[in-house]
Amino acid sequence: MHTLVRAFWNIANARAVIGYAPEDESEVNYVDDIRRLLTETCDVGRLG
């Protein structure tokens, strides 16, 4: 079983009910995209 380093929510139910088993760390695979999306200055889609 793959252990997620930083899970945002508990997936125990998905594992039990449908046998969900993540095969990778998407946060690691997409780190550059995540960093760009979190740091770019853009007002599109923001509320307030």
N, C-alpha and C. Protein backbone atom coordinates (compact mmCIF):
# COMPACT_ATOMS: atom_id res chain seq x y z
N MET A 1 0.85 -1.18 0.00
CA MET A 1 0.00 0.00 0.00
C MET A 1 0.89 1.24 0.00
N HIS A 2 0.57 2.18 -0.87
CA HIS A 2 1.30 3.42 -0.96
C HIS A 2 0.85 4.36 0.15
N THR A 3 1.77 4.97 0.84
CA THR A 3 1.45 5.91 1.90
C THR A 3 1.65 7.33 1.40
N LEU A 4 0.61 8.12 1.41
CA LEU A 4 0.70 9.50 0.97
C LEU A 4 1.44 10.31 2.02
N VAL A 5 2.40 11.11 1.58
CA VAL A 5 3.18 11.92 2.51
C VAL A 5 2.32 13.00 3.13
N ARG A 6 1.58 13.74 2.30
CA ARG A 6 0.71 14.80 2.81
C ARG A 6 -0.66 14.64 2.19
N ALA A 7 -1.54 13.98 2.88
CA ALA A 7 -2.91 13.80 2.39
C ALA A 7 -3.77 14.95 2.91
N PHE A 8 -4.61 15.50 2.04
CA PHE A 8 -5.49 16.59 2.44
C PHE A 8 -6.73 16.08 3.14
N TRP A 9 -7.10 14.84 2.90
CA TRP A 9 -8.25 14.25 3.56
C TRP A 9 -8.03 12.76 3.70
N ASN A 10 -8.76 12.16 4.57
CA ASN A 10 -8.62 10.74 4.84
C ASN A 10 -9.27 9.94 3.71
N ILE A 11 -8.53 8.99 3.14
CA ILE A 11 -9.07 8.19 2.04
C ILE A 11 -9.33 6.75 2.46
N ALA A 12 -9.40 6.51 3.77
CA ALA A 12 -9.62 5.16 4.28
C ALA A 12 -10.91 4.56 3.75
N ASN A 13 -11.98 5.37 3.67
CA ASN A 13 -13.25 4.86 3.17
C ASN A 13 -13.14 4.46 1.69
N ALA A 14 -12.47 5.26 0.91
CA ALA A 14 -12.29 4.93 -0.52
C ALA A 14 -11.47 3.65 -0.68
N ARG A 15 -10.49 3.47 0.18
CA ARG A 15 -9.71 2.23 0.15
C ARG A 15 -10.60 1.03 0.47
N ALA A 16 -11.44 1.16 1.51
CA ALA A 16 -12.28 0.05 1.96
C ALA A 16 -13.41 -0.26 0.98
N VAL A 17 -14.07 0.78 0.48
CA VAL A 17 -15.26 0.58 -0.34
C VAL A 17 -14.93 0.18 -1.77
N ILE A 18 -14.00 0.89 -2.41
CA ILE A 18 -13.71 0.62 -3.83
C ILE A 18 -12.29 0.13 -4.09
N GLY A 19 -11.53 -0.06 -3.02
CA GLY A 19 -10.17 -0.55 -3.19
C GLY A 19 -9.21 0.46 -3.77
N TYR A 20 -9.51 1.75 -3.58
CA TYR A 20 -8.66 2.82 -4.12
C TYR A 20 -7.26 2.72 -3.52
N ALA A 21 -6.27 2.76 -4.39
CA ALA A 21 -4.87 2.68 -3.95
C ALA A 21 -4.02 3.61 -4.81
N PRO A 22 -3.69 4.81 -4.31
CA PRO A 22 -2.88 5.75 -5.08
C PRO A 22 -1.53 5.12 -5.44
N GLU A 23 -1.07 5.45 -6.63
CA GLU A 23 0.19 4.88 -7.11
C GLU A 23 1.32 5.89 -7.16
N ASP A 24 1.03 7.15 -6.89
CA ASP A 24 2.08 8.15 -6.97
C ASP A 24 1.81 9.30 -6.01
N GLU A 25 2.73 10.20 -5.95
CA GLU A 25 2.61 11.42 -5.15
C GLU A 25 2.41 12.57 -6.13
N SER A 26 1.17 12.92 -6.41
CA SER A 26 0.91 13.96 -7.40
C SER A 26 1.53 15.29 -6.98
N GLU A 27 1.60 15.53 -5.68
CA GLU A 27 2.22 16.78 -5.21
C GLU A 27 3.68 16.85 -5.65
N VAL A 28 4.37 15.74 -5.63
CA VAL A 28 5.77 15.69 -6.07
C VAL A 28 5.85 15.80 -7.58
N ASN A 29 4.97 15.09 -8.28
CA ASN A 29 5.00 15.09 -9.74
C ASN A 29 4.66 16.45 -10.34
N TYR A 30 3.82 17.21 -9.67
CA TYR A 30 3.35 18.49 -10.20
C TYR A 30 3.80 19.68 -9.37
N VAL A 31 4.92 19.56 -8.68
CA VAL A 31 5.38 20.61 -7.78
C VAL A 31 5.57 21.95 -8.49
N ASP A 32 6.10 21.95 -9.71
CA ASP A 32 6.32 23.22 -10.41
C ASP A 32 4.99 23.89 -10.76
N ASP A 33 4.00 23.12 -11.19
CA ASP A 33 2.68 23.67 -11.51
C ASP A 33 2.00 24.20 -10.25
N ILE A 34 2.09 23.46 -9.17
CA ILE A 34 1.48 23.88 -7.91
C ILE A 34 2.11 25.18 -7.44
N ARG A 35 3.43 25.25 -7.47
CA ARG A 35 4.14 26.46 -7.04
C ARG A 35 3.71 27.66 -7.87
N ARG A 36 3.64 27.47 -9.19
CA ARG A 36 3.25 28.56 -10.09
C ARG A 36 1.83 29.03 -9.78
N LEU A 37 0.90 28.09 -9.61
CA LEU A 37 -0.49 28.46 -9.35
C LEU A 37 -0.66 29.16 -8.00
N LEU A 38 0.14 28.80 -7.02
CA LEU A 38 0.03 29.42 -5.70
C LEU A 38 0.72 30.77 -5.61
N THR A 39 1.66 31.05 -6.49
CA THR A 39 2.43 32.28 -6.38
C THR A 39 2.18 33.31 -7.47
N GLU A 40 1.52 32.91 -8.56
CA GLU A 40 1.30 33.89 -9.62
C GLU A 40 0.27 34.93 -9.18
N THR A 41 0.45 36.14 -9.66
CA THR A 41 -0.49 37.20 -9.32
C THR A 41 -1.52 37.30 -10.43
N CYS A 42 -2.72 36.96 -10.07
CA CYS A 42 -3.81 36.96 -11.04
C CYS A 42 -5.11 37.14 -10.27
N ASP A 43 -5.93 38.07 -10.69
CA ASP A 43 -7.19 38.33 -10.00
C ASP A 43 -8.36 37.56 -10.59
N VAL A 44 -8.14 36.83 -11.65
CA VAL A 44 -9.21 36.08 -12.28
C VAL A 44 -9.69 34.96 -11.35
N GLY A 45 -10.98 34.92 -11.11
CA GLY A 45 -11.55 33.87 -10.29
C GLY A 45 -11.57 34.13 -8.80
N ARG A 46 -10.96 35.21 -8.37
CA ARG A 46 -10.95 35.51 -6.94
C ARG A 46 -12.22 36.26 -6.55
N LEU A 47 -12.68 35.99 -5.36
CA LEU A 47 -13.85 36.67 -4.83
C LEU A 47 -13.42 37.73 -3.82
N GLY A 48 -14.17 38.82 -3.79
CA GLY A 48 -13.91 39.83 -2.77
C GLY A 48 -13.02 40.94 -3.14
